[in-house]
Amino acid sequence: RPYIHRTPVLVSSLLNKLSGTQLYFKCENLQRM
């Protein structure tokens, strides 16, 4: 925990509508490195 980011979980109502499901994106693209 002291060495990593706790990355956000993002949602998009438009992408939910497009996919027909409730999507929760865990953004490890925003992790360190």
Full PDB file with SEQRES, HELIX, SHEET, SSBOND, CRYST1, ORIGX, SCALE, CONECT and MASTER records, all heavy atoms in Angstrom:
SEQRES   1 A   33  ARG PRO TYR ILE HIS ARG THR PRO VAL LEU VAL SER SER          
SEQRES   2 A   33  LEU LEU ASN LYS LEU SER GLY THR GLN LEU TYR PHE LYS          
SEQRES   3 A   33  CYS GLU ASN LEU GLN ARG MET                                  
HELIX    1 AA1 SER A   13  SER A   19  1                                   7    
HELIX    2 AA2 GLU A   28  LEU A   30  5                                   3    
SHEET    1 AA1 2 VAL A   9  LEU A  10  0                                        
SHEET    2 AA1 2 PHE A  25  LYS A  26 -1                                        
CRYST1    1.000    1.000    1.000  90.00  90.00  90.00 P 1           1          
ORIGX1      1.000000  0.000000  0.000000        0.00000                         
ORIGX2      0.000000  1.000000  0.000000        0.00000                         
ORIGX3      0.000000  0.000000  1.000000        0.00000                         
SCALE1      1.000000  0.000000  0.000000        0.00000                         
SCALE2      0.000000  1.000000  0.000000        0.00000                         
SCALE3      0.000000  0.000000  1.000000        0.00000                         
ATOM      1  N   ARG A   1       0.805  -1.235   0.000  1.00  0.00           N  
ATOM      2  CA  ARG A   1       0.000   0.000   0.000  1.00  0.00           C  
ATOM      3  C   ARG A   1       0.840   1.287   0.000  1.00  0.00           C  
ATOM      4  O   ARG A   1       0.511   2.236  -0.709  1.00  0.00           O  
ATOM      5  CB  ARG A   1      -0.980  -0.030   1.181  1.00  0.00           C  
ATOM      6  CG  ARG A   1      -2.213   0.826   0.938  1.00  0.00           C  
ATOM      7  CD  ARG A   1      -3.247   0.624   2.030  1.00  0.00           C  
ATOM      8  NE  ARG A   1      -4.068  -0.541   1.820  1.00  0.00           N  
ATOM      9  CZ  ARG A   1      -4.487  -1.353   2.780  1.00  0.00           C  
ATOM     10  NH1 ARG A   1      -4.143  -1.158   4.021  1.00  0.00           N  
ATOM     11  NH2 ARG A   1      -5.261  -2.387   2.493  1.00  0.00           N  
ATOM     12  N   PRO A   2       1.930   1.364   0.779  1.00  0.00           N  
ATOM     13  CA  PRO A   2       2.704   2.616   0.783  1.00  0.00           C  
ATOM     14  C   PRO A   2       3.398   2.927  -0.550  1.00  0.00           C  
ATOM     15  O   PRO A   2       3.843   4.051  -0.766  1.00  0.00           O  
ATOM     16  CB  PRO A   2       3.760   2.383   1.884  1.00  0.00           C  
ATOM     17  CG  PRO A   2       3.249   1.240   2.698  1.00  0.00           C  
ATOM     18  CD  PRO A   2       2.466   0.392   1.761  1.00  0.00           C  
ATOM     19  N   TYR A   3       3.497   1.930  -1.432  1.00  0.00           N  
ATOM     20  CA  TYR A   3       4.296   2.095  -2.652  1.00  0.00           C  
ATOM     21  C   TYR A   3       3.457   2.186  -3.933  1.00  0.00           C  
ATOM     22  O   TYR A   3       4.009   2.354  -5.018  1.00  0.00           O  
ATOM     23  CB  TYR A   3       5.280   0.916  -2.788  1.00  0.00           C  
ATOM     24  CG  TYR A   3       6.153   0.736  -1.578  1.00  0.00           C  
ATOM     25  CD1 TYR A   3       5.847  -0.231  -0.617  1.00  0.00           C  
ATOM     26  CD2 TYR A   3       7.266   1.554  -1.361  1.00  0.00           C  
ATOM     27  CE1 TYR A   3       6.633  -0.391   0.516  1.00  0.00           C  
ATOM     28  CE2 TYR A   3       8.054   1.396  -0.232  1.00  0.00           C  
ATOM     29  CZ  TYR A   3       7.735   0.424   0.702  1.00  0.00           C  
ATOM     30  OH  TYR A   3       8.517   0.271   1.837  1.00  0.00           O  
ATOM     31  N   ILE A   4       2.139   2.058  -3.807  1.00  0.00           N  
ATOM     32  CA  ILE A   4       1.274   2.073  -4.996  1.00  0.00           C  
ATOM     33  C   ILE A   4       0.194   3.148  -4.854  1.00  0.00           C  
ATOM     34  O   ILE A   4      -0.038   3.662  -3.761  1.00  0.00           O  
ATOM     35  CB  ILE A   4       0.594   0.704  -5.235  1.00  0.00           C  
ATOM     36  CG1 ILE A   4      -0.300   0.332  -4.029  1.00  0.00           C  
ATOM     37  CG2 ILE A   4       1.614  -0.382  -5.514  1.00  0.00           C  
ATOM     38  CD1 ILE A   4      -1.293  -0.776  -4.284  1.00  0.00           C  
ATOM     39  N   HIS A   5      -0.460   3.467  -5.956  1.00  0.00           N  
ATOM     40  CA  HIS A   5      -1.652   4.315  -5.912  1.00  0.00           C  
ATOM     41  C   HIS A   5      -2.883   3.435  -5.729  1.00  0.00           C  
ATOM     42  O   HIS A   5      -2.945   2.345  -6.301  1.00  0.00           O  
ATOM     43  CB  HIS A   5      -1.836   5.088  -7.231  1.00  0.00           C  
ATOM     44  CG  HIS A   5      -0.765   6.087  -7.514  1.00  0.00           C  
ATOM     45  ND1 HIS A   5      -0.161   6.849  -6.534  1.00  0.00           N  
ATOM     46  CD2 HIS A   5      -0.192   6.463  -8.695  1.00  0.00           C  
ATOM     47  CE1 HIS A   5       0.736   7.640  -7.086  1.00  0.00           C  
ATOM     48  NE2 HIS A   5       0.743   7.424  -8.392  1.00  0.00           N  
ATOM     49  N   ARG A   6      -3.849   3.913  -4.950  1.00  0.00           N  
ATOM     50  CA  ARG A   6      -5.179   3.304  -4.978  1.00  0.00           C  
ATOM     51  C   ARG A   6      -5.909   3.979  -6.137  1.00  0.00           C  
ATOM     52  O   ARG A   6      -6.349   5.115  -6.031  1.00  0.00           O  
ATOM     53  CB  ARG A   6      -5.926   3.506  -3.660  1.00  0.00           C  
ATOM     54  CG  ARG A   6      -7.255   2.743  -3.648  1.00  0.00           C  
ATOM     55  CD  ARG A   6      -8.016   2.901  -2.350  1.00  0.00           C  
ATOM     56  NE  ARG A   6      -9.267   2.180  -2.445  1.00  0.00           N  
ATOM     57  CZ  ARG A   6      -9.549   1.052  -1.810  1.00  0.00           C  
ATOM     58  NH1 ARG A   6      -8.663   0.514  -0.996  1.00  0.00           N  
ATOM     59  NH2 ARG A   6     -10.713   0.451  -1.965  1.00  0.00           N  
ATOM     60  N   THR A   7      -6.011   3.286  -7.239  1.00  0.00           N  
ATOM     61  CA  THR A   7      -6.523   3.899  -8.465  1.00  0.00           C  
ATOM     62  C   THR A   7      -8.043   4.046  -8.415  1.00  0.00           C  
ATOM     63  O   THR A   7      -8.729   3.268  -7.766  1.00  0.00           O  
ATOM     64  CB  THR A   7      -6.119   3.060  -9.688  1.00  0.00           C  
ATOM     65  OG1 THR A   7      -6.532   1.704  -9.479  1.00  0.00           O  
ATOM     66  CG2 THR A   7      -4.623   3.108  -9.912  1.00  0.00           C  
ATOM     67  N   PRO A   8      -8.582   5.047  -9.120  1.00  0.00           N  
ATOM     68  CA  PRO A   8     -10.021   5.285  -9.066  1.00  0.00           C  
ATOM     69  C   PRO A   8     -10.827   4.246  -9.849  1.00  0.00           C  
ATOM     70  O   PRO A   8     -10.288   3.566 -10.729  1.00  0.00           O  
ATOM     71  CB  PRO A   8     -10.168   6.666  -9.706  1.00  0.00           C  
ATOM     72  CG  PRO A   8      -8.978   6.810 -10.591  1.00  0.00           C  
ATOM     73  CD  PRO A   8      -7.872   6.056  -9.925  1.00  0.00           C  
ATOM     74  N   VAL A   9     -12.117   4.157  -9.507  1.00  0.00           N  
ATOM     75  CA  VAL A   9     -13.076   3.354 -10.271  1.00  0.00           C  
ATOM     76  C   VAL A   9     -14.025   4.344 -10.952  1.00  0.00           C  
ATOM     77  O   VAL A   9     -14.702   5.121 -10.277  1.00  0.00           O  
ATOM     78  CB  VAL A   9     -13.865   2.392  -9.361  1.00  0.00           C  
ATOM     79  CG1 VAL A   9     -14.912   1.625 -10.161  1.00  0.00           C  
ATOM     80  CG2 VAL A   9     -12.916   1.430  -8.649  1.00  0.00           C  
ATOM     81  N   LEU A  10     -14.027   4.347 -12.283  1.00  0.00           N  
ATOM     82  CA  LEU A  10     -14.823   5.315 -13.036  1.00  0.00           C  
ATOM     83  C   LEU A  10     -16.045   4.664 -13.679  1.00  0.00           C  
ATOM     84  O   LEU A  10     -16.030   3.463 -13.987  1.00  0.00           O  
ATOM     85  CB  LEU A  10     -13.977   5.973 -14.129  1.00  0.00           C  
ATOM     86  CG  LEU A  10     -12.745   6.771 -13.682  1.00  0.00           C  
ATOM     87  CD1 LEU A  10     -12.075   7.419 -14.887  1.00  0.00           C  
ATOM     88  CD2 LEU A  10     -13.100   7.830 -12.646  1.00  0.00           C  
ATOM     89  N   VAL A  11     -17.088   5.445 -13.853  1.00  0.00           N  
ATOM     90  CA  VAL A  11     -18.309   4.971 -14.524  1.00  0.00           C  
ATOM     91  C   VAL A  11     -18.696   5.961 -15.618  1.00  0.00           C  
ATOM     92  O   VAL A  11     -18.312   7.128 -15.571  1.00  0.00           O  
ATOM     93  CB  VAL A  11     -19.489   4.794 -13.534  1.00  0.00           C  
ATOM     94  CG1 VAL A  11     -19.194   3.705 -12.518  1.00  0.00           C  
ATOM     95  CG2 VAL A  11     -19.810   6.109 -12.824  1.00  0.00           C  
ATOM     96  N   SER A  12     -19.461   5.470 -16.583  1.00  0.00           N  
ATOM     97  CA  SER A  12     -19.945   6.322 -17.671  1.00  0.00           C  
ATOM     98  C   SER A  12     -21.365   5.901 -18.026  1.00  0.00           C  
ATOM     99  O   SER A  12     -21.583   4.766 -18.460  1.00  0.00           O  
ATOM    100  CB  SER A  12     -19.039   6.187 -18.900  1.00  0.00           C  
ATOM    101  OG  SER A  12     -19.700   6.663 -20.061  1.00  0.00           O  
ATOM    102  N   SER A  13     -22.319   6.802 -17.856  1.00  0.00           N  
ATOM    103  CA  SER A  13     -23.712   6.464 -18.170  1.00  0.00           C  
ATOM    104  C   SER A  13     -23.877   6.171 -19.661  1.00  0.00           C  
ATOM    105  O   SER A  13     -24.664   5.301 -20.052  1.00  0.00           O  
ATOM    106  CB  SER A  13     -24.656   7.587 -17.728  1.00  0.00           C  
ATOM    107  OG  SER A  13     -24.250   8.824 -18.268  1.00  0.00           O  
ATOM    108  N   LEU A  14     -23.106   6.863 -20.497  1.00  0.00           N  
ATOM    109  CA  LEU A  14     -23.202   6.628 -21.932  1.00  0.00           C  
ATOM    110  C   LEU A  14     -22.711   5.219 -22.294  1.00  0.00           C  
ATOM    111  O   LEU A  14     -23.349   4.511 -23.079  1.00  0.00           O  
ATOM    112  CB  LEU A  14     -22.399   7.667 -22.711  1.00  0.00           C  
ATOM    113  CG  LEU A  14     -22.552   7.476 -24.221  1.00  0.00           C  
ATOM    114  CD1 LEU A  14     -23.348   8.602 -24.841  1.00  0.00           C  
ATOM    115  CD2 LEU A  14     -21.216   7.338 -24.898  1.00  0.00           C  
ATOM    116  N   LEU A  15     -21.594   4.802 -21.710  1.00  0.00           N  
ATOM    117  CA  LEU A  15     -21.065   3.466 -22.002  1.00  0.00           C  
ATOM    118  C   LEU A  15     -21.955   2.376 -21.401  1.00  0.00           C  
ATOM    119  O   LEU A  15     -22.069   1.283 -21.968  1.00  0.00           O  
ATOM    120  CB  LEU A  15     -19.622   3.336 -21.517  1.00  0.00           C  
ATOM    121  CG  LEU A  15     -18.600   4.254 -22.217  1.00  0.00           C  
ATOM    122  CD1 LEU A  15     -17.195   3.980 -21.726  1.00  0.00           C  
ATOM    123  CD2 LEU A  15     -18.671   4.126 -23.731  1.00  0.00           C  
ATOM    124  N   ASN A  16     -22.579   2.678 -20.260  1.00  0.00           N  
ATOM    125  CA  ASN A  16     -23.555   1.738 -19.693  1.00  0.00           C  
ATOM    126  C   ASN A  16     -24.708   1.521 -20.673  1.00  0.00           C  
ATOM    127  O   ASN A  16     -25.140   0.392 -20.913  1.00  0.00           O  
ATOM    128  CB  ASN A  16     -24.117   2.266 -18.366  1.00  0.00           C  
ATOM    129  CG  ASN A  16     -23.113   2.187 -17.231  1.00  0.00           C  
ATOM    130  OD1 ASN A  16     -22.085   1.520 -17.349  1.00  0.00           O  
ATOM    131  ND2 ASN A  16     -23.391   2.869 -16.143  1.00  0.00           N  
ATOM    132  N   LYS A  17     -25.189   2.610 -21.224  1.00  0.00           N  
ATOM    133  CA  LYS A  17     -26.310   2.547 -22.167  1.00  0.00           C  
ATOM    134  C   LYS A  17     -25.918   1.785 -23.426  1.00  0.00           C  
ATOM    135  O   LYS A  17     -26.656   0.946 -23.939  1.00  0.00           O  
ATOM    136  CB  LYS A  17     -26.733   3.980 -22.517  1.00  0.00           C  
ATOM    137  CG  LYS A  17     -28.062   4.090 -23.239  1.00  0.00           C  
ATOM    138  CD  LYS A  17     -28.419   5.566 -23.430  1.00  0.00           C  
ATOM    139  CE  LYS A  17     -29.661   5.699 -24.307  1.00  0.00           C  
ATOM    140  NZ  LYS A  17     -29.968   7.113 -24.586  1.00  0.00           N  
ATOM    141  N   LEU A  18     -24.724   2.070 -23.894  1.00  0.00           N  
ATOM    142  CA  LEU A  18     -24.210   1.448 -25.117  1.00  0.00           C  
ATOM    143  C   LEU A  18     -24.024  -0.067 -24.962  1.00  0.00           C  
ATOM    144  O   LEU A  18     -24.289  -0.835 -25.888  1.00  0.00           O  
ATOM    145  CB  LEU A  18     -22.870   2.095 -25.471  1.00  0.00           C  
ATOM    146  CG  LEU A  18     -22.326   1.928 -26.877  1.00  0.00           C  
ATOM    147  CD1 LEU A  18     -23.205   2.656 -27.882  1.00  0.00           C  
ATOM    148  CD2 LEU A  18     -20.904   2.456 -26.943  1.00  0.00           C  
ATOM    149  N   SER A  19     -23.591  -0.465 -23.785  1.00  0.00           N  
ATOM    150  CA  SER A  19     -23.279  -1.885 -23.548  1.00  0.00           C  
ATOM    151  C   SER A  19     -24.439  -2.661 -22.922  1.00  0.00           C  
ATOM    152  O   SER A  19     -24.432  -3.892 -22.910  1.00  0.00           O  
ATOM    153  CB  SER A  19     -22.050  -1.995 -22.637  1.00  0.00           C  
ATOM    154  OG  SER A  19     -22.310  -1.362 -21.391  1.00  0.00           O  
ATOM    155  N   GLY A  20     -25.418  -1.949 -22.363  1.00  0.00           N  
ATOM    156  CA  GLY A  20     -26.547  -2.618 -21.726  1.00  0.00           C  
ATOM    157  C   GLY A  20     -26.216  -3.226 -20.383  1.00  0.00           C  
ATOM    158  O   GLY A  20     -26.925  -4.092 -19.878  1.00  0.00           O  
ATOM    159  N   THR A  21     -25.115  -2.784 -19.781  1.00  0.00           N  
ATOM    160  CA  THR A  21     -24.705  -3.298 -18.473  1.00  0.00           C  
ATOM    161  C   THR A  21     -24.145  -2.151 -17.637  1.00  0.00           C  
ATOM    162  O   THR A  21     -23.794  -1.099 -18.179  1.00  0.00           O  
ATOM    163  CB  THR A  21     -23.657  -4.422 -18.616  1.00  0.00           C  
ATOM    164  OG1 THR A  21     -23.309  -4.935 -17.334  1.00  0.00           O  
ATOM    165  CG2 THR A  21     -22.389  -3.954 -19.296  1.00  0.00           C  
ATOM    166  N   GLN A  22     -24.077  -2.332 -16.329  1.00  0.00           N  
ATOM    167  CA  GLN A  22     -23.455  -1.340 -15.438  1.00  0.00           C  
ATOM    168  C   GLN A  22     -21.957  -1.615 -15.404  1.00  0.00           C  
ATOM    169  O   GLN A  22     -21.532  -2.660 -14.912  1.00  0.00           O  
ATOM    170  CB  GLN A  22     -24.027  -1.478 -14.023  1.00  0.00           C  
ATOM    171  CG  GLN A  22     -25.431  -0.955 -13.854  1.00  0.00           C  
ATOM    172  CD  GLN A  22     -25.440   0.556 -13.697  1.00  0.00           C  
ATOM    173  OE1 GLN A  22     -26.122   1.258 -14.411  1.00  0.00           O  
ATOM    174  NE2 GLN A  22     -24.680   1.069 -12.748  1.00  0.00           N  
ATOM    175  N   LEU A  23     -21.169  -0.697 -15.930  1.00  0.00           N  
ATOM    176  CA  LEU A  23     -19.727  -0.902 -16.018  1.00  0.00           C  
ATOM    177  C   LEU A  23     -18.977  -0.100 -14.954  1.00  0.00           C  
ATOM    178  O   LEU A  23     -19.289   1.068 -14.720  1.00  0.00           O  
ATOM    179  CB  LEU A  23     -19.223  -0.488 -17.410  1.00  0.00           C  
ATOM    180  CG  LEU A  23     -19.709  -1.346 -18.582  1.00  0.00           C  
ATOM    181  CD1 LEU A  23     -19.349  -0.677 -19.900  1.00  0.00           C  
ATOM    182  CD2 LEU A  23     -19.111  -2.747 -18.516  1.00  0.00           C  
ATOM    183  N   TYR A  24     -17.992  -0.752 -14.355  1.00  0.00           N  
ATOM    184  CA  TYR A  24     -17.138  -0.108 -13.350  1.00  0.00           C  
ATOM    185  C   TYR A  24     -15.687  -0.327 -13.782  1.00  0.00           C  
ATOM    186  O   TYR A  24     -15.185  -1.455 -13.755  1.00  0.00           O  
ATOM    187  CB  TYR A  24     -17.394  -0.692 -11.960  1.00  0.00           C  
ATOM    188  CG  TYR A  24     -18.832  -0.517 -11.520  1.00  0.00           C  
ATOM    189  CD1 TYR A  24     -19.799  -1.480 -11.838  1.00  0.00           C  
ATOM    190  CD2 TYR A  24     -19.237   0.619 -10.831  1.00  0.00           C  
ATOM    191  CE1 TYR A  24     -21.124  -1.300 -11.466  1.00  0.00           C  
ATOM    192  CE2 TYR A  24     -20.566   0.803 -10.454  1.00  0.00           C  
ATOM    193  CZ  TYR A  24     -21.500  -0.167 -10.779  1.00  0.00           C  
ATOM    194  OH  TYR A  24     -22.810   0.015 -10.415  1.00  0.00           O  
ATOM    195  N   PHE A  25     -15.031   0.753 -14.206  1.00  0.00           N  
ATOM    196  CA  PHE A  25     -13.678   0.662 -14.752  1.00  0.00           C  
ATOM    197  C   PHE A  25     -12.637   0.928 -13.657  1.00  0.00           C  
ATOM    198  O   PHE A  25     -12.547   2.051 -13.150  1.00  0.00           O  
ATOM    199  CB  PHE A  25     -13.498   1.666 -15.880  1.00  0.00           C  
ATOM    200  CG  PHE A  25     -14.355   1.401 -17.090  1.00  0.00           C  
ATOM    201  CD1 PHE A  25     -15.582   2.043 -17.246  1.00  0.00           C  
ATOM    202  CD2 PHE A  25     -13.940   0.517 -18.079  1.00  0.00           C  
ATOM    203  CE1 PHE A  25     -16.373   1.811 -18.365  1.00  0.00           C  
ATOM    204  CE2 PHE A  25     -14.724   0.277 -19.201  1.00  0.00           C  
ATOM    205  CZ  PHE A  25     -15.942   0.915 -19.344  1.00  0.00           C  
ATOM    206  N   LYS A  26     -11.852  -0.086 -13.316  1.00  0.00           N  
ATOM    207  CA  LYS A  26     -10.752   0.069 -12.360  1.00  0.00           C  
ATOM    208  C   LYS A  26      -9.529   0.561 -13.129  1.00  0.00           C  
ATOM    209  O   LYS A  26      -8.944  -0.163 -13.940  1.00  0.00           O  
ATOM    210  CB  LYS A  26     -10.468  -1.271 -11.666  1.00  0.00           C  
ATOM    211  CG  LYS A  26      -9.290  -1.258 -10.694  1.00  0.00           C  
ATOM    212  CD  LYS A  26      -9.519  -0.362  -9.497  1.00  0.00           C  
ATOM    213  CE  LYS A  26      -8.413  -0.573  -8.451  1.00  0.00           C  
ATOM    214  NZ  LYS A  26      -8.397   0.524  -7.462  1.00  0.00           N  
ATOM    215  N   CYS A  27      -9.135   1.805 -12.872  1.00  0.00           N  
ATOM    216  CA  CYS A  27      -8.179   2.506 -13.747  1.00  0.00           C  
ATOM    217  C   CYS A  27      -6.720   2.284 -13.364  1.00  0.00           C  
ATOM    218  O   CYS A  27      -6.046   3.186 -12.844  1.00  0.00           O  
ATOM    219  CB  CYS A  27      -8.512   3.988 -13.770  1.00  0.00           C  
ATOM    220  SG  CYS A  27     -10.099   4.318 -14.547  1.00  0.00           S  
ATOM    221  N   GLU A  28      -6.203   1.098 -13.672  1.00  0.00           N  
ATOM    222  CA  GLU A  28      -4.787   0.827 -13.426  1.00  0.00           C  
ATOM    223  C   GLU A  28      -3.884   1.523 -14.445  1.00  0.00           C  
ATOM    224  O   GLU A  28      -2.664   1.522 -14.292  1.00  0.00           O  
ATOM    225  CB  GLU A  28      -4.528  -0.675 -13.406  1.00  0.00           C  
ATOM    226  CG  GLU A  28      -5.046  -1.361 -12.153  1.00  0.00           C  
ATOM    227  CD  GLU A  28      -4.348  -0.869 -10.890  1.00  0.00           C  
ATOM    228  OE1 GLU A  28      -3.156  -1.163 -10.709  1.00  0.00           O  
ATOM    229  OE2 GLU A  28      -4.997  -0.180 -10.078  1.00  0.00           O  
ATOM    230  N   ASN A  29      -4.485   2.141 -15.456  1.00  0.00           N  
ATOM    231  CA  ASN A  29      -3.717   3.020 -16.343  1.00  0.00           C  
ATOM    232  C   ASN A  29      -3.217   4.251 -15.593  1.00  0.00           C  
ATOM    233  O   ASN A  29      -2.291   4.927 -16.030  1.00  0.00           O  
ATOM    234  CB  ASN A  29      -4.569   3.448 -17.545  1.00  0.00           C  
ATOM    235  CG  ASN A  29      -5.869   4.122 -17.139  1.00  0.00           C  
ATOM    236  OD1 ASN A  29      -6.575   3.645 -16.247  1.00  0.00           O  
ATOM    237  ND2 ASN A  29      -6.211   5.215 -17.784  1.00  0.00           N  
ATOM    238  N   LEU A  30      -3.810   4.523 -14.430  1.00  0.00           N  
ATOM    239  CA  LEU A  30      -3.383   5.657 -13.593  1.00  0.00           C  
ATOM    240  C   LEU A  30      -2.490   5.213 -12.431  1.00  0.00           C  
ATOM    241  O   LEU A  30      -2.199   5.985 -11.527  1.00  0.00           O  
ATOM    242  CB  LEU A  30      -4.615   6.400 -13.058  1.00  0.00           C  
ATOM    243  CG  LEU A  30      -5.572   6.944 -14.124  1.00  0.00           C  
ATOM    244  CD1 LEU A  30      -6.787   7.590 -13.482  1.00  0.00           C  
ATOM    245  CD2 LEU A  30      -4.867   7.937 -15.044  1.00  0.00           C  
ATOM    246  N   GLN A  31      -2.069   3.943 -12.471  1.00  0.00           N  
ATOM    247  CA  GLN A  31      -1.152   3.411 -11.459  1.00  0.00           C  
ATOM    248  C   GLN A  31       0.244   4.012 -11.652  1.00  0.00           C  
ATOM    249  O   GLN A  31       0.560   4.523 -12.736  1.00  0.00           O  
ATOM    250  CB  GLN A  31      -1.102   1.876 -11.579  1.00  0.00           C  
ATOM    251  CG  GLN A  31      -0.304   1.148 -10.507  1.00  0.00           C  
ATOM    252  CD  GLN A  31      -0.743   1.504  -9.097  1.00  0.00           C  
ATOM    253  OE1 GLN A  31      -0.122   2.347  -8.443  1.00  0.00           O  
ATOM    254  NE2 GLN A  31      -1.830   0.894  -8.637  1.00  0.00           N  
ATOM    255  N   ARG A  32       1.087   3.955 -10.633  1.00  0.00           N  
ATOM    256  CA  ARG A  32       2.492   4.367 -10.804  1.00  0.00           C  
ATOM    257  C   ARG A  32       3.104   3.573 -11.945  1.00  0.00           C  
ATOM    258  O   ARG A  32       2.858   2.399 -12.091  1.00  0.00           O  
ATOM    259  CB  ARG A  32       3.293   4.111  -9.520  1.00  0.00           C  
ATOM    260  CG  ARG A  32       2.943   5.034  -8.379  1.00  0.00           C  
ATOM    261  CD  ARG A  32       3.856   4.775  -7.180  1.00  0.00           C  
ATOM    262  NE  ARG A  32       5.218   5.275  -7.417  1.00  0.00           N  
ATOM    263  CZ  ARG A  32       6.294   4.873  -6.730  1.00  0.00           C  
ATOM    264  NH1 ARG A  32       6.177   3.959  -5.779  1.00  0.00           N  
ATOM    265  NH2 ARG A  32       7.482   5.389  -6.992  1.00  0.00           N  
ATOM    266  N   MET A  33       3.901   4.189 -12.762  1.00  0.00           N  
ATOM    267  CA  MET A  33       4.499   3.720 -14.009  1.00  0.00           C  
ATOM    268  C   MET A  33       3.465   3.310 -15.056  1.00  0.00           C  
ATOM    269  O   MET A  33       3.782   2.832 -16.125  1.00  0.00           O  
ATOM    270  CB  MET A  33       5.571   2.618 -13.844  1.00  0.00           C  
ATOM    271  CG  MET A  33       5.287   1.349 -13.111  1.00  0.00           C  
ATOM    272  SD  MET A  33       4.114   0.175 -13.806  1.00  0.00           S  
ATOM    273  CE  MET A  33       4.701  -0.123 -15.445  1.00  0.00           C  
TER     274      MET A  33                                                      
MASTER        0    0    0    2    2    0    0    6  273    1    0    3          
END                                                                             
